[in-house]
Amino acid sequence: MESVPSKRVSSLKNALRLLNLFTMEEPELSLSDLSRKMGLGSSTIFRLTYTLMLEGFLARDPVSKNFRLGSSLLAKGAAIQSQYDICRFSSPILKQLVKESGETAHLSTLTGNKVIYLQKMDAVNYVHLLSHAGKQNYIHCTSSGQAILAFQPEEVIERLIENGLTKLTANTITNPQEFILLLSHIRKKGYAFSREEMHEGVSSIASPVFSQPGKAYYSISIAGPSSRINPQRAHELAKIVKKAANVLSETIKNLTLNI
């Protein structure tokens, strides 16, 4: 098998690293931004961006001269999304959940030491949330992450705790014993209620989705202002979220999902 020149491999790695710098929080970046974040000279960055623009992976604003992701990536993103069986199955369920709860709904899964939102469906009376499909967040202080983590093997939970439970608000649980107790309660109740653990003023409720008995790979959640998702309504809203998660669990049971 013919070996690939190391210079070509290095260029490919740098191109992929560069594309990964663009996020919902930073959709546009200047040449100097890219150079600083990549730790590479501006001439190298210019060559990379020029090649990526030729292939449609990057576009450049004619006025600001900032770069953004191009149409080739957007088209591929839509194609990838369409291949996610779990998203196809969950769409009508999330739509019904939004209708019944009046809050924004998410479908999530774990990736490494983060929880990632696979799908987001906004409610009519939604408030601005720092979430979107593809967004990654901490596991330990989000109901989406907690609901899945509670049903993971003990070594997965221990590894997360060993990496540290970062404190983001006054309500974030950082004590390992308290966190383990929280996961135990989630297993018993079948849902997680995160009250301003990651963002002040924002609360959420999530329930695990099981593809096999006892094996949770996904979660369904609602999120919104703490004035609406509060302890007084938690039980009522949890019933709605659990129902949605149960419907999805039954739908995907024993299926081999393409995700």
C-alpha atoms as a PDB file:
ATOM      1  CA  MET A   1       0.000   0.000   0.000  1.00  0.00           C
ATOM      2  CA  GLU A   2       1.400   3.372  -1.018  1.00  0.00           C
ATOM      3  CA  SER A   3       2.217   5.573   1.964  1.00  0.00           C
ATOM      4  CA  VAL A   4       0.860   9.100   2.160  1.00  0.00           C
ATOM      5  CA  PRO A   5       3.537  11.818   2.446  1.00  0.00           C
ATOM      6  CA  SER A   6       3.728  13.185   5.984  1.00  0.00           C
ATOM      7  CA  LYS A   7       3.447  16.770   4.693  1.00  0.00           C
ATOM      8  CA  ARG A   8       0.096  15.954   3.088  1.00  0.00           C
ATOM      9  CA  VAL A   9      -1.139  14.309   6.284  1.00  0.00           C
ATOM     10  CA  SER A  10      -0.075  17.363   8.296  1.00  0.00           C
ATOM     11  CA  SER A  11      -1.946  19.677   5.918  1.00  0.00           C
ATOM     12  CA  LEU A  12      -5.071  17.546   6.198  1.00  0.00           C
ATOM     13  CA  LYS A  13      -4.894  17.592  10.004  1.00  0.00           C
ATOM     14  CA  ASN A  14      -4.487  21.360  10.020  1.00  0.00           C
ATOM     15  CA  ALA A  15      -7.430  21.793   7.643  1.00  0.00           C
ATOM     16  CA  LEU A  16      -9.659  19.670   9.904  1.00  0.00           C
ATOM     17  CA  ARG A  17      -8.447  21.510  13.009  1.00  0.00           C
ATOM     18  CA  LEU A  18      -9.242  24.814  11.323  1.00  0.00           C
ATOM     19  CA  LEU A  19     -12.790  23.765  10.379  1.00  0.00           C
ATOM     20  CA  ASN A  20     -13.426  22.615  13.953  1.00  0.00           C
ATOM     21  CA  LEU A  21     -12.742  26.148  15.220  1.00  0.00           C
ATOM     22  CA  PHE A  22     -16.055  27.402  13.827  1.00  0.00           C
ATOM     23  CA  THR A  23     -18.915  27.044  16.302  1.00  0.00           C
ATOM     24  CA  MET A  24     -22.365  28.503  16.930  1.00  0.00           C
ATOM     25  CA  GLU A  25     -20.709  30.854  19.424  1.00  0.00           C
ATOM     26  CA  GLU A  26     -18.017  31.867  16.887  1.00  0.00           C
ATOM     27  CA  PRO A  27     -19.514  31.387  13.405  1.00  0.00           C
ATOM     28  CA  GLU A  28     -17.067  33.864  11.843  1.00  0.00           C
ATOM     29  CA  LEU A  29     -13.319  34.183  12.406  1.00  0.00           C
ATOM     30  CA  SER A  30     -10.689  36.505  10.973  1.00  0.00           C
ATOM     31  CA  LEU A  31      -7.347  35.445   9.542  1.00  0.00           C
ATOM     32  CA  SER A  32      -5.602  36.630  12.716  1.00  0.00           C
ATOM     33  CA  ASP A  33      -8.125  34.728  14.879  1.00  0.00           C
ATOM     34  CA  LEU A  34      -7.391  31.513  12.993  1.00  0.00           C
ATOM     35  CA  SER A  35      -3.648  32.097  13.157  1.00  0.00           C
ATOM     36  CA  ARG A  36      -3.777  32.667  16.927  1.00  0.00           C
ATOM     37  CA  LYS A  37      -6.040  29.705  17.659  1.00  0.00           C
ATOM     38  CA  MET A  38      -4.081  27.341  15.421  1.00  0.00           C
ATOM     39  CA  GLY A  39      -0.658  28.569  16.532  1.00  0.00           C
ATOM     40  CA  LEU A  40       0.404  28.862  12.883  1.00  0.00           C
ATOM     41  CA  GLY A  41       1.711  31.736  10.787  1.00  0.00           C
ATOM     42  CA  SER A  42      -0.686  33.858   8.760  1.00  0.00           C
ATOM     43  CA  SER A  43       0.856  32.692   5.453  1.00  0.00           C
ATOM     44  CA  THR A  44       0.143  29.044   6.345  1.00  0.00           C
ATOM     45  CA  ILE A  45      -3.403  29.895   7.421  1.00  0.00           C
ATOM     46  CA  PHE A  46      -3.953  31.839   4.198  1.00  0.00           C
ATOM     47  CA  ARG A  47      -2.943  28.809   2.100  1.00  0.00           C
ATOM     48  CA  LEU A  48      -5.265  26.556   4.113  1.00  0.00           C
ATOM     49  CA  THR A  49      -8.234  28.913   3.870  1.00  0.00           C
ATOM     50  CA  TYR A  50      -7.650  29.461   0.160  1.00  0.00           C
ATOM     51  CA  THR A  51      -7.774  25.716  -0.533  1.00  0.00           C
ATOM     52  CA  LEU A  52     -10.858  25.242   1.656  1.00  0.00           C
ATOM     53  CA  MET A  53     -12.642  28.115  -0.104  1.00  0.00           C
ATOM     54  CA  LEU A  54     -11.895  26.572  -3.519  1.00  0.00           C
ATOM     55  CA  GLU A  55     -13.607  23.361  -2.363  1.00  0.00           C
ATOM     56  CA  GLY A  56     -16.563  25.228  -0.863  1.00  0.00           C
ATOM     57  CA  PHE A  57     -15.764  24.353   2.749  1.00  0.00           C
ATOM     58  CA  LEU A  58     -15.157  27.989   3.694  1.00  0.00           C
ATOM     59  CA  ALA A  59     -16.616  31.292   2.547  1.00  0.00           C
ATOM     60  CA  ARG A  60     -15.320  34.827   3.141  1.00  0.00           C
ATOM     61  CA  ASP A  61     -17.394  37.893   3.836  1.00  0.00           C
ATOM     62  CA  PRO A  62     -16.512  40.509   1.193  1.00  0.00           C
ATOM     63  CA  VAL A  63     -16.866  43.381   3.688  1.00  0.00           C
ATOM     64  CA  SER A  64     -15.483  42.115   7.018  1.00  0.00           C
ATOM     65  CA  LYS A  65     -13.074  39.656   5.325  1.00  0.00           C
ATOM     66  CA  ASN A  66     -13.957  37.133   8.058  1.00  0.00           C
ATOM     67  CA  PHE A  67     -14.289  33.450   7.252  1.00  0.00           C
ATOM     68  CA  ARG A  68     -17.327  31.226   7.850  1.00  0.00           C
ATOM     69  CA  LEU A  69     -18.276  27.662   6.985  1.00  0.00           C
ATOM     70  CA  GLY A  70     -19.164  27.217   3.330  1.00  0.00           C
ATOM     71  CA  SER A  71     -22.066  25.618   1.477  1.00  0.00           C
ATOM     72  CA  SER A  72     -20.269  22.286   0.989  1.00  0.00           C
ATOM     73  CA  LEU A  73     -20.184  21.700   4.745  1.00  0.00           C
ATOM     74  CA  LEU A  74     -23.750  22.870   5.218  1.00  0.00           C
ATOM     75  CA  ALA A  75     -24.966  20.410   2.591  1.00  0.00           C
ATOM     76  CA  LYS A  76     -22.989  17.587   4.170  1.00  0.00           C
ATOM     77  CA  GLY A  77     -24.370  18.518   7.594  1.00  0.00           C
ATOM     78  CA  ALA A  78     -27.908  18.124   6.301  1.00  0.00           C
ATOM     79  CA  ALA A  79     -27.003  14.784   4.721  1.00  0.00           C
ATOM     80  CA  ILE A  80     -25.473  13.515   7.973  1.00  0.00           C
ATOM     81  CA  GLN A  81     -28.495  14.655   9.987  1.00  0.00           C
ATOM     82  CA  SER A  82     -30.820  12.772   7.621  1.00  0.00           C
ATOM     83  CA  GLN A  83     -28.873   9.563   8.254  1.00  0.00           C
ATOM     84  CA  TYR A  84     -29.390   9.670  12.027  1.00  0.00           C
ATOM     85  CA  ASP A  85     -32.181   7.161  12.557  1.00  0.00           C
ATOM     86  CA  ILE A  86     -32.667   8.260  16.155  1.00  0.00           C
ATOM     87  CA  CYS A  87     -33.432  11.832  15.012  1.00  0.00           C
ATOM     88  CA  ARG A  88     -35.971  10.586  12.488  1.00  0.00           C
ATOM     89  CA  PHE A  89     -37.741   8.554  15.169  1.00  0.00           C
ATOM     90  CA  SER A  90     -37.575  11.290  17.798  1.00  0.00           C
ATOM     91  CA  SER A  91     -38.806  14.260  15.728  1.00  0.00           C
ATOM     92  CA  PRO A  92     -42.565  13.655  16.160  1.00  0.00           C
ATOM     93  CA  ILE A  93     -42.037  12.733  19.814  1.00  0.00           C
ATOM     94  CA  LEU A  94     -40.157  15.957  20.549  1.00  0.00           C
ATOM     95  CA  LYS A  95     -42.801  17.929  18.674  1.00  0.00           C
ATOM     96  CA  GLN A  96     -45.513  16.437  20.890  1.00  0.00           C
ATOM     97  CA  LEU A  97     -43.409  17.043  24.006  1.00  0.00           C
ATOM     98  CA  VAL A  98     -43.043  20.728  23.110  1.00  0.00           C
ATOM     99  CA  LYS A  99     -46.780  20.959  22.575  1.00  0.00           C
ATOM    100  CA  GLU A 100     -47.620  19.331  25.940  1.00  0.00           C
ATOM    101  CA  SER A 101     -44.967  21.043  28.070  1.00  0.00           C
ATOM    102  CA  GLY A 102     -44.719  24.423  26.365  1.00  0.00           C
ATOM    103  CA  GLU A 103     -40.919  24.242  26.699  1.00  0.00           C
ATOM    104  CA  THR A 104     -37.953  23.681  24.379  1.00  0.00           C
ATOM    105  CA  ALA A 105     -37.117  19.985  23.936  1.00  0.00           C
ATOM    106  CA  HIS A 106     -33.809  18.232  23.276  1.00  0.00           C
ATOM    107  CA  LEU A 107     -32.551  14.789  22.309  1.00  0.00           C
ATOM    108  CA  SER A 108     -29.075  14.098  23.692  1.00  0.00           C
ATOM    109  CA  THR A 109     -26.377  11.465  23.950  1.00  0.00           C
ATOM    110  CA  LEU A 110     -22.938  11.181  25.566  1.00  0.00           C
ATOM    111  CA  THR A 111     -19.713  11.718  23.679  1.00  0.00           C
ATOM    112  CA  GLY A 112     -16.533  11.269  25.692  1.00  0.00           C
ATOM    113  CA  ASN A 113     -16.832  13.380  28.834  1.00  0.00           C
ATOM    114  CA  LYS A 114     -19.559  15.648  27.418  1.00  0.00           C
ATOM    115  CA  VAL A 115     -23.246  15.455  26.559  1.00  0.00           C
ATOM    116  CA  ILE A 116     -24.125  16.462  23.001  1.00  0.00           C
ATOM    117  CA  TYR A 117     -27.496  17.701  21.764  1.00  0.00           C
ATOM    118  CA  LEU A 118     -28.522  15.758  18.657  1.00  0.00           C
ATOM    119  CA  GLN A 119     -31.787  17.596  18.181  1.00  0.00           C
ATOM    120  CA  LYS A 120     -33.455  20.742  19.485  1.00  0.00           C
ATOM    121  CA  MET A 121     -37.068  21.797  19.032  1.00  0.00           C
ATOM    122  CA  ASP A 122     -38.084  25.246  20.252  1.00  0.00           C
ATOM    123  CA  ALA A 123     -41.391  26.033  21.935  1.00  0.00           C
ATOM    124  CA  VAL A 124     -43.558  28.960  20.827  1.00  0.00           C
ATOM    125  CA  ASN A 125     -42.863  30.837  24.066  1.00  0.00           C
ATOM    126  CA  TYR A 126     -39.231  29.800  24.265  1.00  0.00           C
ATOM    127  CA  VAL A 127     -36.506  31.826  25.910  1.00  0.00           C
ATOM    128  CA  HIS A 128     -33.013  32.103  24.466  1.00  0.00           C
ATOM    129  CA  LEU A 129     -31.011  29.058  25.540  1.00  0.00           C
ATOM    130  CA  LEU A 130     -27.336  28.455  24.868  1.00  0.00           C
ATOM    131  CA  SER A 131     -28.068  25.174  23.104  1.00  0.00           C
ATOM    132  CA  HIS A 132     -28.313  23.906  19.554  1.00  0.00           C
ATOM    133  CA  ALA A 133     -27.922  20.643  17.667  1.00  0.00           C
ATOM    134  CA  GLY A 134     -24.253  19.710  17.929  1.00  0.00           C
ATOM    135  CA  LYS A 135     -23.673  21.734  21.106  1.00  0.00           C
ATOM    136  CA  GLN A 136     -21.653  19.942  23.798  1.00  0.00           C
ATOM    137  CA  ASN A 137     -22.089  20.600  27.505  1.00  0.00           C
ATOM    138  CA  TYR A 138     -20.962  19.237  30.836  1.00  0.00           C
ATOM    139  CA  ILE A 139     -22.574  15.955  31.853  1.00  0.00           C
ATOM    140  CA  HIS A 140     -22.659  16.440  35.612  1.00  0.00           C
ATOM    141  CA  CYS A 141     -24.685  19.670  35.715  1.00  0.00           C
ATOM    142  CA  THR A 142     -27.218  19.083  32.933  1.00  0.00           C
ATOM    143  CA  SER A 143     -30.335  16.972  33.323  1.00  0.00           C
ATOM    144  CA  SER A 144     -29.671  15.519  29.842  1.00  0.00           C
ATOM    145  CA  GLY A 145     -26.267  14.252  30.924  1.00  0.00           C
ATOM    146  CA  GLN A 146     -27.323  13.139  34.402  1.00  0.00           C
ATOM    147  CA  ALA A 147     -30.261  11.093  33.069  1.00  0.00           C
ATOM    148  CA  ILE A 148     -27.946   9.070  30.821  1.00  0.00           C
ATOM    149  CA  LEU A 149     -25.023   8.881  33.255  1.00  0.00           C
ATOM    150  CA  ALA A 150     -27.209   7.402  36.007  1.00  0.00           C
ATOM    151  CA  PHE A 151     -27.559   4.254  33.895  1.00  0.00           C
ATOM    152  CA  GLN A 152     -23.926   3.899  32.849  1.00  0.00           C
ATOM    153  CA  PRO A 153     -21.440   1.345  34.251  1.00  0.00           C
ATOM    154  CA  GLU A 154     -19.852   2.279  37.557  1.00  0.00           C
ATOM    155  CA  GLU A 155     -16.430   2.792  35.980  1.00  0.00           C
ATOM    156  CA  VAL A 156     -17.850   5.455  33.630  1.00  0.00           C
ATOM    157  CA  ILE A 157     -19.310   7.361  36.574  1.00  0.00           C
ATOM    158  CA  GLU A 158     -16.089   7.039  38.573  1.00  0.00           C
ATOM    159  CA  ARG A 159     -14.002   8.295  35.668  1.00  0.00           C
ATOM    160  CA  LEU A 160     -16.195  11.372  35.277  1.00  0.00           C
ATOM    161  CA  ILE A 161     -15.921  12.156  38.992  1.00  0.00           C
ATOM    162  CA  GLU A 162     -12.145  11.655  38.926  1.00  0.00           C
ATOM    163  CA  ASN A 163     -11.881  14.228  36.127  1.00  0.00           C
ATOM    164  CA  GLY A 164     -13.541  16.749  38.452  1.00  0.00           C
ATOM    165  CA  LEU A 165     -17.046  18.148  38.832  1.00  0.00           C
ATOM    166  CA  THR A 166     -16.604  21.721  37.645  1.00  0.00           C
ATOM    167  CA  LYS A 167     -18.602  24.318  39.583  1.00  0.00           C
ATOM    168  CA  LEU A 168     -20.542  26.595  37.245  1.00  0.00           C
ATOM    169  CA  THR A 169     -23.204  28.043  39.556  1.00  0.00           C
ATOM    170  CA  ALA A 170     -24.027  28.022  43.253  1.00  0.00           C
ATOM    171  CA  ASN A 171     -26.273  24.999  42.606  1.00  0.00           C
ATOM    172  CA  THR A 172     -23.708  22.815  40.834  1.00  0.00           C
ATOM    173  CA  ILE A 173     -23.036  19.620  42.789  1.00  0.00           C
ATOM    174  CA  THR A 174     -19.279  19.160  43.090  1.00  0.00           C
ATOM    175  CA  ASN A 175     -19.097  16.786  46.062  1.00  0.00           C
ATOM    176  CA  PRO A 176     -18.578  13.200  44.757  1.00  0.00           C
ATOM    177  CA  GLN A 177     -20.732  11.588  47.476  1.00  0.00           C
ATOM    178  CA  GLU A 178     -23.606  14.004  46.844  1.00  0.00           C
ATOM    179  CA  PHE A 179     -23.313  13.435  43.110  1.00  0.00           C
ATOM    180  CA  ILE A 180     -23.433   9.637  43.472  1.00  0.00           C
ATOM    181  CA  LEU A 181     -26.500  10.019  45.698  1.00  0.00           C
ATOM    182  CA  LEU A 182     -28.107  12.252  43.047  1.00  0.00           C
ATOM    183  CA  LEU A 183     -27.591   9.567  40.382  1.00  0.00           C
ATOM    184  CA  SER A 184     -29.154   6.997  42.715  1.00  0.00           C
ATOM    185  CA  HIS A 185     -32.260   9.187  43.073  1.00  0.00           C
ATOM    186  CA  ILE A 186     -32.437   9.590  39.294  1.00  0.00           C
ATOM    187  CA  ARG A 187     -32.390   5.813  38.820  1.00  0.00           C
ATOM    188  CA  LYS A 188     -35.261   5.448  41.291  1.00  0.00           C
ATOM    189  CA  LYS A 189     -37.385   8.305  39.920  1.00  0.00           C
ATOM    190  CA  GLY A 190     -36.621   7.776  36.251  1.00  0.00           C
ATOM    191  CA  TYR A 191     -35.822  11.421  35.594  1.00  0.00           C
ATOM    192  CA  ALA A 192     -33.321  14.185  36.400  1.00  0.00           C
ATOM    193  CA  PHE A 193     -34.293  17.685  37.524  1.00  0.00           C
ATOM    194  CA  SER A 194     -31.467  20.173  37.131  1.00  0.00           C
ATOM    195  CA  ARG A 195     -32.305  23.507  38.751  1.00  0.00           C
ATOM    196  CA  GLU A 196     -29.862  26.237  37.721  1.00  0.00           C
ATOM    197  CA  GLU A 197     -26.879  23.890  37.949  1.00  0.00           C
ATOM    198  CA  MET A 198     -25.278  25.142  34.730  1.00  0.00           C
ATOM    199  CA  HIS A 199     -26.926  28.518  34.050  1.00  0.00           C
ATOM    200  CA  GLU A 200     -28.627  30.776  36.565  1.00  0.00           C
ATOM    201  CA  GLY A 201     -32.304  31.197  35.789  1.00  0.00           C
ATOM    202  CA  VAL A 202     -32.496  28.072  33.614  1.00  0.00           C
ATOM    203  CA  SER A 203     -33.814  24.669  34.728  1.00  0.00           C
ATOM    204  CA  SER A 204     -34.400  21.403  32.903  1.00  0.00           C
ATOM    205  CA  ILE A 205     -35.910  17.945  33.288  1.00  0.00           C
ATOM    206  CA  ALA A 206     -34.675  14.863  31.424  1.00  0.00           C
ATOM    207  CA  SER A 207     -35.536  11.194  31.237  1.00  0.00           C
ATOM    208  CA  PRO A 208     -33.349   8.376  29.862  1.00  0.00           C
ATOM    209  CA  VAL A 209     -34.118   6.597  26.594  1.00  0.00           C
ATOM    210  CA  PHE A 210     -33.412   2.862  26.641  1.00  0.00           C
ATOM    211  CA  SER A 211     -32.597   0.852  23.521  1.00  0.00           C
ATOM    212  CA  GLN A 212     -32.307  -2.253  25.721  1.00  0.00           C
ATOM    213  CA  PRO A 213     -33.431  -2.881  29.314  1.00  0.00           C
ATOM    214  CA  GLY A 214     -31.144  -0.918  31.646  1.00  0.00           C
ATOM    215  CA  LYS A 215     -29.031   0.507  28.806  1.00  0.00           C
ATOM    216  CA  ALA A 216     -29.558   4.231  28.274  1.00  0.00           C
ATOM    217  CA  TYR A 217     -27.697   5.816  25.387  1.00  0.00           C
ATOM    218  CA  TYR A 218     -29.913   8.865  24.931  1.00  0.00           C
ATOM    219  CA  SER A 219     -32.120  11.225  26.905  1.00  0.00           C
ATOM    220  CA  ILE A 220     -35.065  13.466  26.150  1.00  0.00           C
ATOM    221  CA  SER A 221     -35.330  16.744  28.022  1.00  0.00           C
ATOM    222  CA  ILE A 222     -37.128  20.046  28.310  1.00  0.00           C
ATOM    223  CA  ALA A 223     -35.420  23.285  29.320  1.00  0.00           C
ATOM    224  CA  GLY A 224     -36.653  26.760  30.124  1.00  0.00           C
ATOM    225  CA  PRO A 225     -36.778  29.516  32.721  1.00  0.00           C
ATOM    226  CA  SER A 226     -36.796  28.441  36.367  1.00  0.00           C
ATOM    227  CA  SER A 227     -39.982  30.458  36.859  1.00  0.00           C
ATOM    228  CA  ARG A 228     -41.805  27.889  34.700  1.00  0.00           C
ATOM    229  CA  ILE A 229     -39.752  24.742  35.353  1.00  0.00           C
ATOM    230  CA  ASN A 230     -39.888  24.891  39.136  1.00  0.00           C
ATOM    231  CA  PRO A 231     -40.211  22.433  42.044  1.00  0.00           C
ATOM    232  CA  GLN A 232     -43.996  22.955  42.169  1.00  0.00           C
ATOM    233  CA  ARG A 233     -44.393  21.778  38.558  1.00  0.00           C
ATOM    234  CA  ALA A 234     -41.472  19.335  38.468  1.00  0.00           C
ATOM    235  CA  HIS A 235     -43.547  16.178  39.052  1.00  0.00           C
ATOM    236  CA  GLU A 236     -46.159  17.177  36.471  1.00  0.00           C
ATOM    237  CA  LEU A 237     -43.548  18.052  33.830  1.00  0.00           C
ATOM    238  CA  ALA A 238     -41.475  14.958  34.644  1.00  0.00           C
ATOM    239  CA  LYS A 239     -44.469  12.738  33.818  1.00  0.00           C
ATOM    240  CA  ILE A 240     -44.688  14.342  30.364  1.00  0.00           C
ATOM    241  CA  VAL A 241     -40.942  13.982  29.735  1.00  0.00           C
ATOM    242  CA  LYS A 242     -40.896  10.363  30.961  1.00  0.00           C
ATOM    243  CA  LYS A 243     -43.815   9.534  28.674  1.00  0.00           C
ATOM    244  CA  ALA A 244     -41.934  10.950  25.679  1.00  0.00           C
ATOM    245  CA  ALA A 245     -38.759   9.041  26.612  1.00  0.00           C
ATOM    246  CA  ASN A 246     -40.744   5.819  27.048  1.00  0.00           C
ATOM    247  CA  VAL A 247     -42.351   6.202  23.620  1.00  0.00           C
ATOM    248  CA  LEU A 248     -38.930   6.653  22.008  1.00  0.00           C
ATOM    249  CA  SER A 249     -37.540   3.710  24.010  1.00  0.00           C
ATOM    250  CA  GLU A 250     -40.315   1.462  22.702  1.00  0.00           C
ATOM    251  CA  THR A 251     -39.786   2.756  19.166  1.00  0.00           C
ATOM    252  CA  ILE A 252     -36.060   1.981  19.021  1.00  0.00           C
ATOM    253  CA  LYS A 253     -36.043  -1.143  21.176  1.00  0.00           C
ATOM    254  CA  ASN A 254     -33.852  -3.863  19.662  1.00  0.00           C
ATOM    255  CA  LEU A 255     -33.101  -1.724  16.595  1.00  0.00           C
ATOM    256  CA  THR A 256     -29.567  -1.177  15.273  1.00  0.00           C
ATOM    257  CA  LEU A 257     -29.443   2.592  14.987  1.00  0.00           C
ATOM    258  CA  ASN A 258     -27.333   4.420  12.454  1.00  0.00           C
ATOM    259  CA  ILE A 259     -25.601   6.872  14.772  1.00  0.00           C
END
